[in-house]
All heavy atoms as atom14 arrays in JSON, in Angstrom:
{
  "sequence": "GKEREFVCAINSSGARTWYADSVKGRFTISRDNAENTVYLQMNNVKPE",
  "atom14_mask": [
    [1, 1, 1, 1, 0, 0, 0, 0, 0, 0, 0, 0, 0, 0],
    [1, 1, 1, 1, 1, 1, 1, 1, 1, 0, 0, 0, 0, 0],
    [1, 1, 1, 1, 1, 1, 1, 1, 1, 0, 0, 0, 0, 0],
    [1, 1, 1, 1, 1, 1, 1, 1, 1, 1, 1, 0, 0, 0],
    [1, 1, 1, 1, 1, 1, 1, 1, 1, 0, 0, 0, 0, 0],
    [1, 1, 1, 1, 1, 1, 1, 1, 1, 1, 1, 0, 0, 0],
    [1, 1, 1, 1, 1, 1, 1, 0, 0, 0, 0, 0, 0, 0],
    [1, 1, 1, 1, 1, 1, 0, 0, 0, 0, 0, 0, 0, 0],
    [1, 1, 1, 1, 1, 0, 0, 0, 0, 0, 0, 0, 0, 0],
    [1, 1, 1, 1, 1, 1, 1, 1, 0, 0, 0, 0, 0, 0],
    [1, 1, 1, 1, 1, 1, 1, 1, 0, 0, 0, 0, 0, 0],
    [1, 1, 1, 1, 1, 1, 0, 0, 0, 0, 0, 0, 0, 0],
    [1, 1, 1, 1, 1, 1, 0, 0, 0, 0, 0, 0, 0, 0],
    [1, 1, 1, 1, 0, 0, 0, 0, 0, 0, 0, 0, 0, 0],
    [1, 1, 1, 1, 1, 0, 0, 0, 0, 0, 0, 0, 0, 0],
    [1, 1, 1, 1, 1, 1, 1, 1, 1, 1, 1, 0, 0, 0],
    [1, 1, 1, 1, 1, 1, 1, 0, 0, 0, 0, 0, 0, 0],
    [1, 1, 1, 1, 1, 1, 1, 1, 1, 1, 1, 1, 1, 1],
    [1, 1, 1, 1, 1, 1, 1, 1, 1, 1, 1, 1, 0, 0],
    [1, 1, 1, 1, 1, 0, 0, 0, 0, 0, 0, 0, 0, 0],
    [1, 1, 1, 1, 1, 1, 1, 1, 0, 0, 0, 0, 0, 0],
    [1, 1, 1, 1, 1, 1, 0, 0, 0, 0, 0, 0, 0, 0],
    [1, 1, 1, 1, 1, 1, 1, 0, 0, 0, 0, 0, 0, 0],
    [1, 1, 1, 1, 1, 1, 1, 1, 1, 0, 0, 0, 0, 0],
    [1, 1, 1, 1, 0, 0, 0, 0, 0, 0, 0, 0, 0, 0],
    [1, 1, 1, 1, 1, 1, 1, 1, 1, 1, 1, 0, 0, 0],
    [1, 1, 1, 1, 1, 1, 1, 1, 1, 1, 1, 0, 0, 0],
    [1, 1, 1, 1, 1, 1, 1, 0, 0, 0, 0, 0, 0, 0],
    [1, 1, 1, 1, 1, 1, 1, 1, 0, 0, 0, 0, 0, 0],
    [1, 1, 1, 1, 1, 1, 0, 0, 0, 0, 0, 0, 0, 0],
    [1, 1, 1, 1, 1, 1, 1, 1, 1, 1, 1, 0, 0, 0],
    [1, 1, 1, 1, 1, 1, 1, 1, 0, 0, 0, 0, 0, 0],
    [1, 1, 1, 1, 1, 1, 1, 1, 0, 0, 0, 0, 0, 0],
    [1, 1, 1, 1, 1, 0, 0, 0, 0, 0, 0, 0, 0, 0],
    [1, 1, 1, 1, 1, 1, 1, 1, 1, 0, 0, 0, 0, 0],
    [1, 1, 1, 1, 1, 1, 1, 1, 0, 0, 0, 0, 0, 0],
    [1, 1, 1, 1, 1, 1, 1, 0, 0, 0, 0, 0, 0, 0],
    [1, 1, 1, 1, 1, 1, 1, 0, 0, 0, 0, 0, 0, 0],
    [1, 1, 1, 1, 1, 1, 1, 1, 1, 1, 1, 1, 0, 0],
    [1, 1, 1, 1, 1, 1, 1, 1, 0, 0, 0, 0, 0, 0],
    [1, 1, 1, 1, 1, 1, 1, 1, 1, 0, 0, 0, 0, 0],
    [1, 1, 1, 1, 1, 1, 1, 1, 0, 0, 0, 0, 0, 0],
    [1, 1, 1, 1, 1, 1, 1, 1, 0, 0, 0, 0, 0, 0],
    [1, 1, 1, 1, 1, 1, 1, 1, 0, 0, 0, 0, 0, 0],
    [1, 1, 1, 1, 1, 1, 1, 0, 0, 0, 0, 0, 0, 0],
    [1, 1, 1, 1, 1, 1, 1, 1, 1, 0, 0, 0, 0, 0],
    [1, 1, 1, 1, 1, 1, 1, 0, 0, 0, 0, 0, 0, 0],
    [1, 1, 1, 1, 1, 1, 1, 1, 1, 0, 0, 0, 0, 0]
  ],
  "atom14_positions": [
    [[-6.02, 20.24, 1.27], [-5.28, 20.58, 0.07], [-4.27, 19.55, -0.38], [-3.53, 19.81, -1.34], [0.0, 0.0, 0.0], [0.0, 0.0, 0.0], [0.0, 0.0, 0.0], [0.0, 0.0, 0.0], [0.0, 0.0, 0.0], [0.0, 0.0, 0.0], [0.0, 0.0, 0.0], [0.0, 0.0, 0.0], [0.0, 0.0, 0.0], [0.0, 0.0, 0.0]],
    [[-4.21, 18.41, 0.28], [-3.25, 17.38, -0.07], [-3.95, 16.07, -0.41], [-5.12, 15.86, -0.08], [-2.26, 17.15, 1.07], [-1.42, 18.37, 1.41], [-0.41, 18.05, 2.49], [0.46, 19.24, 2.81], [1.45, 18.93, 3.88], [0.0, 0.0, 0.0], [0.0, 0.0, 0.0], [0.0, 0.0, 0.0], [0.0, 0.0, 0.0], [0.0, 0.0, 0.0]],
    [[-3.21, 15.19, -1.08], [-3.75, 13.89, -1.43], [-3.7, 12.95, -0.24], [-2.92, 13.13, 0.7], [-2.97, 13.3, -2.6], [-3.1, 14.08, -3.9], [-2.39, 13.42, -5.06], [-1.69, 12.41, -4.84], [-2.55, 13.89, -6.19], [0.0, 0.0, 0.0], [0.0, 0.0, 0.0], [0.0, 0.0, 0.0], [0.0, 0.0, 0.0], [0.0, 0.0, 0.0]],
    [[-4.54, 11.94, -0.3], [-4.55, 10.93, 0.74], [-3.22, 10.19, 0.78], [-2.66, 9.85, -0.27], [-5.69, 9.94, 0.49], [-5.87, 8.89, 1.58], [-6.97, 7.92, 1.2], [-6.64, 7.17, 0.0], [-7.42, 6.26, -0.56], [-8.61, 6.0, -0.03], [-7.04, 5.64, -1.66], [0.0, 0.0, 0.0], [0.0, 0.0, 0.0], [0.0, 0.0, 0.0]],
    [[-2.71, 9.92, 1.98], [-1.44, 9.23, 2.11], [-1.55, 8.04, 3.05], [-2.36, 8.03, 3.99], [-0.34, 10.18, 2.61], [-0.54, 10.68, 4.03], [0.65, 11.45, 4.55], [1.75, 11.31, 4.0], [0.48, 12.21, 5.53], [0.0, 0.0, 0.0], [0.0, 0.0, 0.0], [0.0, 0.0, 0.0], [0.0, 0.0, 0.0], [0.0, 0.0, 0.0]],
    [[-0.72, 7.07, 2.81], [-0.67, 5.87, 3.63], [-0.05, 6.17, 4.98], [0.95, 6.88, 5.08], [0.16, 4.8, 2.91], [0.51, 3.62, 3.76], [-0.42, 2.61, 4.0], [1.77, 3.5, 4.31], [-0.1, 1.51, 4.77], [2.11, 2.4, 5.08], [1.17, 1.41, 5.31], [0.0, 0.0, 0.0], [0.0, 0.0, 0.0], [0.0, 0.0, 0.0]],
    [[-0.65, 5.63, 6.03], [-0.14, 5.8, 7.38], [0.42, 4.48, 7.91], [1.59, 4.4, 8.3], [-1.22, 6.32, 8.34], [-0.69, 6.4, 9.77], [-1.71, 7.69, 7.89], [0.0, 0.0, 0.0], [0.0, 0.0, 0.0], [0.0, 0.0, 0.0], [0.0, 0.0, 0.0], [0.0, 0.0, 0.0], [0.0, 0.0, 0.0], [0.0, 0.0, 0.0]],
    [[-0.4, 3.45, 7.92], [0.03, 2.15, 8.42], [-0.97, 1.09, 8.0], [-2.07, 1.39, 7.53], [0.18, 2.18, 9.95], [-1.32, 2.66, 10.84], [0.0, 0.0, 0.0], [0.0, 0.0, 0.0], [0.0, 0.0, 0.0], [0.0, 0.0, 0.0], [0.0, 0.0, 0.0], [0.0, 0.0, 0.0], [0.0, 0.0, 0.0], [0.0, 0.0, 0.0]],
    [[-0.57, -0.17, 8.17], [-1.43, -1.28, 7.8], [-1.14, -2.48, 8.69], [-0.08, -2.58, 9.31], [-1.23, -1.65, 6.33], [0.0, 0.0, 0.0], [0.0, 0.0, 0.0], [0.0, 0.0, 0.0], [0.0, 0.0, 0.0], [0.0, 0.0, 0.0], [0.0, 0.0, 0.0], [0.0, 0.0, 0.0], [0.0, 0.0, 0.0], [0.0, 0.0, 0.0]],
    [[-2.09, -3.4, 8.72], [-1.95, -4.61, 9.5], [-2.63, -5.74, 8.74], [-3.68, -5.54, 8.13], [-2.56, -4.43, 10.92], [-2.25, -5.63, 11.81], [-4.06, -4.18, 10.83], [-2.57, -5.37, 13.28], [0.0, 0.0, 0.0], [0.0, 0.0, 0.0], [0.0, 0.0, 0.0], [0.0, 0.0, 0.0], [0.0, 0.0, 0.0], [0.0, 0.0, 0.0]],
    [[-2.02, -6.91, 8.75], [-2.62, -8.02, 8.03], [-3.79, -8.61, 8.82], [-4.08, -8.2, 9.95], [-1.58, -9.08, 7.66], [-1.09, -9.89, 8.85], [-1.26, -9.51, 10.0], [-0.46, -11.03, 8.56], [0.0, 0.0, 0.0], [0.0, 0.0, 0.0], [0.0, 0.0, 0.0], [0.0, 0.0, 0.0], [0.0, 0.0, 0.0], [0.0, 0.0, 0.0]],
    [[-4.46, -9.58, 8.22], [-5.71, -10.07, 8.8], [-5.55, -10.69, 10.18], [-6.45, -10.57, 11.02], [-6.37, -11.07, 7.84], [-5.51, -12.17, 7.58], [0.0, 0.0, 0.0], [0.0, 0.0, 0.0], [0.0, 0.0, 0.0], [0.0, 0.0, 0.0], [0.0, 0.0, 0.0], [0.0, 0.0, 0.0], [0.0, 0.0, 0.0], [0.0, 0.0, 0.0]],
    [[-4.43, -11.36, 10.41], [-4.2, -12.0, 11.7], [-3.62, -11.06, 12.75], [-3.66, -11.36, 13.94], [-3.27, -13.2, 11.54], [-1.96, -12.78, 11.25], [0.0, 0.0, 0.0], [0.0, 0.0, 0.0], [0.0, 0.0, 0.0], [0.0, 0.0, 0.0], [0.0, 0.0, 0.0], [0.0, 0.0, 0.0], [0.0, 0.0, 0.0], [0.0, 0.0, 0.0]],
    [[-3.07, -9.94, 12.3], [-2.42, -9.02, 13.21], [-0.95, -9.31, 13.42], [-0.28, -8.61, 14.18], [0.0, 0.0, 0.0], [0.0, 0.0, 0.0], [0.0, 0.0, 0.0], [0.0, 0.0, 0.0], [0.0, 0.0, 0.0], [0.0, 0.0, 0.0], [0.0, 0.0, 0.0], [0.0, 0.0, 0.0], [0.0, 0.0, 0.0], [0.0, 0.0, 0.0]],
    [[-0.41, -10.32, 12.72], [0.97, -10.72, 12.91], [1.97, -9.79, 12.23], [3.14, -9.75, 12.61], [1.18, -12.14, 12.4], [0.0, 0.0, 0.0], [0.0, 0.0, 0.0], [0.0, 0.0, 0.0], [0.0, 0.0, 0.0], [0.0, 0.0, 0.0], [0.0, 0.0, 0.0], [0.0, 0.0, 0.0], [0.0, 0.0, 0.0], [0.0, 0.0, 0.0]],
    [[1.53, -9.06, 11.23], [2.42, -8.18, 10.49], [1.86, -6.77, 10.4], [0.65, -6.59, 10.24], [2.68, -8.72, 9.08], [3.4, -10.06, 9.06], [3.61, -10.54, 7.65], [4.33, -11.8, 7.6], [4.63, -12.46, 6.49], [4.27, -11.96, 5.31], [5.29, -13.6, 6.54], [0.0, 0.0, 0.0], [0.0, 0.0, 0.0], [0.0, 0.0, 0.0]],
    [[2.76, -5.81, 10.51], [2.37, -4.41, 10.4], [3.35, -3.65, 9.53], [4.5, -4.05, 9.37], [2.31, -3.73, 11.78], [3.59, -3.83, 12.42], [1.26, -4.39, 12.66], [0.0, 0.0, 0.0], [0.0, 0.0, 0.0], [0.0, 0.0, 0.0], [0.0, 0.0, 0.0], [0.0, 0.0, 0.0], [0.0, 0.0, 0.0], [0.0, 0.0, 0.0]],
    [[2.89, -2.56, 8.96], [3.7, -1.7, 8.13], [3.4, -0.26, 8.5], [2.27, 0.1, 8.8], [3.39, -1.91, 6.64], [3.67, -3.29, 6.14], [4.78, -3.73, 5.49], [2.79, -4.42, 6.23], [4.65, -5.06, 5.17], [3.44, -5.52, 5.61], [1.51, -4.62, 6.77], [2.87, -6.78, 5.52], [0.94, -5.88, 6.69], [1.61, -6.94, 6.07]],
    [[4.43, 0.59, 8.46], [4.27, 1.98, 8.83], [4.97, 2.9, 7.84], [6.05, 2.59, 7.34], [4.85, 2.26, 10.22], [4.15, 1.53, 11.33], [4.57, 0.28, 11.74], [3.07, 2.12, 11.99], [3.93, -0.4, 12.76], [2.42, 1.46, 13.02], [2.86, 0.2, 13.39], [2.21, -0.46, 14.41], [0.0, 0.0, 0.0], [0.0, 0.0, 0.0]],
    [[4.36, 4.04, 7.6], [5.03, 5.08, 6.86], [6.18, 5.62, 7.71], [6.09, 5.65, 8.94], [4.07, 6.21, 6.52], [0.0, 0.0, 0.0], [0.0, 0.0, 0.0], [0.0, 0.0, 0.0], [0.0, 0.0, 0.0], [0.0, 0.0, 0.0], [0.0, 0.0, 0.0], [0.0, 0.0, 0.0], [0.0, 0.0, 0.0], [0.0, 0.0, 0.0]],
    [[7.26, 6.03, 7.07], [8.41, 6.53, 7.8], [8.06, 7.7, 8.71], [8.65, 7.87, 9.78], [9.51, 6.96, 6.83], [10.18, 5.78, 6.15], [10.09, 4.65, 6.67], [10.81, 5.99, 5.1], [0.0, 0.0, 0.0], [0.0, 0.0, 0.0], [0.0, 0.0, 0.0], [0.0, 0.0, 0.0], [0.0, 0.0, 0.0], [0.0, 0.0, 0.0]],
    [[7.1, 8.49, 8.31], [6.73, 9.68, 9.07], [6.11, 9.38, 10.42], [6.07, 10.25, 11.29], [5.78, 10.55, 8.24], [4.6, 9.84, 7.92], [0.0, 0.0, 0.0], [0.0, 0.0, 0.0], [0.0, 0.0, 0.0], [0.0, 0.0, 0.0], [0.0, 0.0, 0.0], [0.0, 0.0, 0.0], [0.0, 0.0, 0.0], [0.0, 0.0, 0.0]],
    [[5.62, 8.15, 10.61], [4.95, 7.82, 11.87], [5.62, 6.7, 12.64], [5.18, 6.37, 13.75], [3.47, 7.47, 11.64], [2.76, 8.59, 10.9], [3.34, 6.15, 10.87], [0.0, 0.0, 0.0], [0.0, 0.0, 0.0], [0.0, 0.0, 0.0], [0.0, 0.0, 0.0], [0.0, 0.0, 0.0], [0.0, 0.0, 0.0], [0.0, 0.0, 0.0]],
    [[6.67, 6.11, 12.1], [7.36, 5.02, 12.78], [7.87, 5.47, 14.15], [8.45, 6.54, 14.29], [8.53, 4.52, 11.94], [8.13, 3.67, 10.76], [9.35, 3.15, 10.01], [8.95, 2.26, 8.84], [10.12, 1.79, 8.08], [0.0, 0.0, 0.0], [0.0, 0.0, 0.0], [0.0, 0.0, 0.0], [0.0, 0.0, 0.0], [0.0, 0.0, 0.0]],
    [[7.64, 4.64, 15.13], [8.07, 4.95, 16.48], [7.08, 5.78, 17.26], [7.23, 5.94, 18.48], [0.0, 0.0, 0.0], [0.0, 0.0, 0.0], [0.0, 0.0, 0.0], [0.0, 0.0, 0.0], [0.0, 0.0, 0.0], [0.0, 0.0, 0.0], [0.0, 0.0, 0.0], [0.0, 0.0, 0.0], [0.0, 0.0, 0.0], [0.0, 0.0, 0.0]],
    [[6.07, 6.32, 16.59], [5.08, 7.16, 17.25], [3.68, 6.55, 17.2], [2.92, 6.66, 18.16], [5.03, 8.55, 16.61], [6.35, 9.31, 16.69], [6.2, 10.75, 16.23], [5.74, 10.84, 14.84], [4.59, 11.38, 14.47], [3.77, 11.9, 15.37], [4.26, 11.42, 13.18], [0.0, 0.0, 0.0], [0.0, 0.0, 0.0], [0.0, 0.0, 0.0]],
    [[3.34, 5.93, 16.09], [2.02, 5.34, 15.91], [2.1, 3.83, 15.99], [3.09, 3.22, 15.59], [1.43, 5.72, 14.55], [1.05, 7.17, 14.4], [1.37, 8.11, 15.37], [0.37, 7.58, 13.27], [1.02, 9.44, 15.22], [0.02, 8.91, 13.11], [0.34, 9.84, 14.08], [0.0, 0.0, 0.0], [0.0, 0.0, 0.0], [0.0, 0.0, 0.0]],
    [[1.03, 3.22, 16.47], [0.93, 1.77, 16.54], [-0.44, 1.33, 16.07], [-1.45, 1.79, 16.59], [1.17, 1.26, 17.97], [2.45, 1.66, 18.44], [1.11, -0.27, 17.99], [0.0, 0.0, 0.0], [0.0, 0.0, 0.0], [0.0, 0.0, 0.0], [0.0, 0.0, 0.0], [0.0, 0.0, 0.0], [0.0, 0.0, 0.0], [0.0, 0.0, 0.0]],
    [[-0.46, 0.43, 15.1], [-1.72, -0.13, 14.64], [-1.91, -1.49, 15.31], [-0.96, -2.26, 15.47], [-1.77, -0.27, 13.11], [-3.15, -0.72, 12.65], [-0.69, -1.21, 12.59], [-3.34, -0.67, 11.13], [0.0, 0.0, 0.0], [0.0, 0.0, 0.0], [0.0, 0.0, 0.0], [0.0, 0.0, 0.0], [0.0, 0.0, 0.0], [0.0, 0.0, 0.0]],
    [[-3.11, -1.78, 15.71], [-3.43, -3.06, 16.33], [-4.86, -3.43, 16.0], [-5.61, -2.61, 15.47], [-3.22, -3.0, 17.85], [-4.07, -2.05, 18.44], [0.0, 0.0, 0.0], [0.0, 0.0, 0.0], [0.0, 0.0, 0.0], [0.0, 0.0, 0.0], [0.0, 0.0, 0.0], [0.0, 0.0, 0.0], [0.0, 0.0, 0.0], [0.0, 0.0, 0.0]],
    [[-5.23, -4.65, 16.32], [-6.59, -5.07, 16.04], [-7.07, -6.07, 17.06], [-6.29, -6.8, 17.67], [-6.7, -5.65, 14.62], [-5.96, -6.95, 14.4], [-5.9, -7.3, 12.91], [-7.24, -7.41, 12.34], [-7.5, -7.31, 11.04], [-6.52, -7.1, 10.17], [-8.76, -7.43, 10.61], [0.0, 0.0, 0.0], [0.0, 0.0, 0.0], [0.0, 0.0, 0.0]],
    [[-8.37, -6.1, 17.23], [-9.03, -7.07, 18.08], [-10.15, -7.65, 17.24], [-11.24, -7.08, 17.17], [-9.57, -6.42, 19.35], [-10.13, -7.43, 20.33], [-10.47, -8.56, 19.92], [-10.24, -7.09, 21.53], [0.0, 0.0, 0.0], [0.0, 0.0, 0.0], [0.0, 0.0, 0.0], [0.0, 0.0, 0.0], [0.0, 0.0, 0.0], [0.0, 0.0, 0.0]],
    [[-9.87, -8.77, 16.6], [-10.85, -9.36, 15.69], [-12.13, -9.8, 16.41], [-13.2, -9.8, 15.82], [-10.24, -10.53, 14.93], [-9.3, -10.07, 13.83], [-9.34, -8.92, 13.4], [-8.44, -10.97, 13.37], [0.0, 0.0, 0.0], [0.0, 0.0, 0.0], [0.0, 0.0, 0.0], [0.0, 0.0, 0.0], [0.0, 0.0, 0.0], [0.0, 0.0, 0.0]],
    [[-12.0, -10.19, 17.67], [-13.18, -10.58, 18.43], [-14.13, -9.41, 18.6], [-15.34, -9.6, 18.72], [-12.78, -11.14, 19.78], [0.0, 0.0, 0.0], [0.0, 0.0, 0.0], [0.0, 0.0, 0.0], [0.0, 0.0, 0.0], [0.0, 0.0, 0.0], [0.0, 0.0, 0.0], [0.0, 0.0, 0.0], [0.0, 0.0, 0.0], [0.0, 0.0, 0.0]],
    [[-13.57, -8.2, 18.63], [-14.39, -7.0, 18.78], [-14.65, -6.31, 17.44], [-15.31, -5.26, 17.41], [-13.72, -6.02, 19.73], [-13.6, -6.53, 21.16], [-14.94, -6.68, 21.82], [-15.87, -5.9, 21.5], [-15.09, -7.58, 22.67], [0.0, 0.0, 0.0], [0.0, 0.0, 0.0], [0.0, 0.0, 0.0], [0.0, 0.0, 0.0], [0.0, 0.0, 0.0]],
    [[-14.12, -6.88, 16.36], [-14.3, -6.3, 15.03], [-13.81, -4.86, 14.98], [-14.45, -3.99, 14.39], [-15.76, -6.36, 14.59], [-16.08, -7.6, 13.78], [-15.19, -8.29, 13.27], [-17.36, -7.9, 13.64], [0.0, 0.0, 0.0], [0.0, 0.0, 0.0], [0.0, 0.0, 0.0], [0.0, 0.0, 0.0], [0.0, 0.0, 0.0], [0.0, 0.0, 0.0]],
    [[-12.66, -4.63, 15.59], [-12.15, -3.28, 15.71], [-10.65, -3.22, 15.43], [-9.9, -4.1, 15.85], [-12.42, -2.71, 17.1], [-13.83, -2.77, 17.37], [-11.98, -1.26, 17.19], [0.0, 0.0, 0.0], [0.0, 0.0, 0.0], [0.0, 0.0, 0.0], [0.0, 0.0, 0.0], [0.0, 0.0, 0.0], [0.0, 0.0, 0.0], [0.0, 0.0, 0.0]],
    [[-10.24, -2.18, 14.72], [-8.84, -1.88, 14.48], [-8.53, -0.55, 15.14], [-9.35, 0.37, 15.09], [-8.53, -1.82, 12.97], [-7.08, -1.44, 12.73], [-8.83, -3.17, 12.33], [0.0, 0.0, 0.0], [0.0, 0.0, 0.0], [0.0, 0.0, 0.0], [0.0, 0.0, 0.0], [0.0, 0.0, 0.0], [0.0, 0.0, 0.0], [0.0, 0.0, 0.0]],
    [[-7.36, -0.45, 15.73], [-6.99, 0.76, 16.46], [-5.75, 1.42, 15.87], [-4.91, 0.78, 15.26], [-6.7, 0.43, 17.93], [-7.83, -0.24, 18.64], [-7.87, -1.63, 18.77], [-8.87, 0.5, 19.18], [-8.91, -2.25, 19.43], [-9.92, -0.11, 19.84], [-9.93, -1.49, 19.96], [-10.97, -2.11, 20.62], [0.0, 0.0, 0.0], [0.0, 0.0, 0.0]],
    [[-5.67, 2.71, 16.08], [-4.46, 3.46, 15.76], [-4.1, 4.28, 16.99], [-4.78, 5.25, 17.32], [-4.66, 4.38, 14.56], [-3.45, 5.24, 14.19], [-2.28, 4.36, 13.79], [-3.79, 6.21, 13.06], [0.0, 0.0, 0.0], [0.0, 0.0, 0.0], [0.0, 0.0, 0.0], [0.0, 0.0, 0.0], [0.0, 0.0, 0.0], [0.0, 0.0, 0.0]],
    [[-3.05, 3.85, 17.68], [-2.55, 4.59, 18.83], [-1.55, 5.62, 18.34], [-0.54, 5.27, 17.75], [-1.89, 3.65, 19.83], [-1.33, 4.35, 21.06], [-2.4, 4.97, 21.92], [-3.41, 4.33, 22.2], [-2.2, 6.22, 22.33], [0.0, 0.0, 0.0], [0.0, 0.0, 0.0], [0.0, 0.0, 0.0], [0.0, 0.0, 0.0], [0.0, 0.0, 0.0]],
    [[-1.85, 6.88, 18.58], [-1.01, 7.98, 18.14], [-0.35, 8.61, 19.35], [-1.02, 9.16, 20.21], [-1.84, 9.02, 17.39], [-2.66, 8.44, 16.24], [-3.89, 9.61, 15.57], [-2.83, 10.92, 14.98], [0.0, 0.0, 0.0], [0.0, 0.0, 0.0], [0.0, 0.0, 0.0], [0.0, 0.0, 0.0], [0.0, 0.0, 0.0], [0.0, 0.0, 0.0]],
    [[0.96, 8.52, 19.41], [1.72, 9.12, 20.5], [2.65, 10.19, 19.96], [3.06, 10.16, 18.81], [2.54, 8.05, 21.23], [1.69, 7.04, 21.95], [0.59, 7.33, 22.4], [2.21, 5.82, 22.09], [0.0, 0.0, 0.0], [0.0, 0.0, 0.0], [0.0, 0.0, 0.0], [0.0, 0.0, 0.0], [0.0, 0.0, 0.0], [0.0, 0.0, 0.0]],
    [[2.99, 11.14, 20.83], [3.89, 12.22, 20.45], [3.47, 12.85, 19.13], [4.27, 12.98, 18.2], [5.32, 11.68, 20.37], [6.35, 12.78, 20.24], [6.13, 13.91, 20.68], [7.49, 12.46, 19.63], [0.0, 0.0, 0.0], [0.0, 0.0, 0.0], [0.0, 0.0, 0.0], [0.0, 0.0, 0.0], [0.0, 0.0, 0.0], [0.0, 0.0, 0.0]],
    [[2.24, 13.27, 19.07], [1.71, 13.81, 17.82], [2.37, 15.13, 17.46], [2.82, 15.89, 18.32], [0.18, 13.96, 17.88], [-0.48, 12.61, 18.04], [-0.23, 14.91, 19.0], [0.0, 0.0, 0.0], [0.0, 0.0, 0.0], [0.0, 0.0, 0.0], [0.0, 0.0, 0.0], [0.0, 0.0, 0.0], [0.0, 0.0, 0.0], [0.0, 0.0, 0.0]],
    [[2.41, 15.39, 16.16], [3.01, 16.58, 15.6], [1.98, 17.35, 14.79], [0.97, 16.78, 14.37], [4.19, 16.21, 14.71], [5.28, 15.41, 15.41], [6.37, 15.01, 14.43], [7.46, 14.22, 15.12], [8.53, 13.8, 14.16], [0.0, 0.0, 0.0], [0.0, 0.0, 0.0], [0.0, 0.0, 0.0], [0.0, 0.0, 0.0], [0.0, 0.0, 0.0]],
    [[2.22, 18.63, 14.54], [1.26, 19.41, 13.75], [0.99, 18.79, 12.38], [-0.15, 18.87, 11.9], [1.95, 20.77, 13.61], [2.78, 20.89, 14.84], [3.29, 19.51, 15.09], [0.0, 0.0, 0.0], [0.0, 0.0, 0.0], [0.0, 0.0, 0.0], [0.0, 0.0, 0.0], [0.0, 0.0, 0.0], [0.0, 0.0, 0.0], [0.0, 0.0, 0.0]],
    [[1.98, 18.18, 11.77], [1.79, 17.57, 10.47], [0.92, 16.32, 10.5], [0.57, 15.77, 9.45], [3.14, 17.24, 9.81], [4.06, 16.42, 10.69], [5.07, 17.27, 11.43], [4.69, 18.36, 11.92], [6.24, 16.86, 11.52], [0.0, 0.0, 0.0], [0.0, 0.0, 0.0], [0.0, 0.0, 0.0], [0.0, 0.0, 0.0], [0.0, 0.0, 0.0]]
  ]
}
């Protein structure tokens, strides 16, 4: 019932990241370009 919202982002090299205030300190975005994979580590998750 809600619109899509931004969570986090990472630039092509992985040197820079951005996070929505709602997930700062809890979520971590990372990437492994050799594996062609981007990850989202979610810690201390909340119902929202």
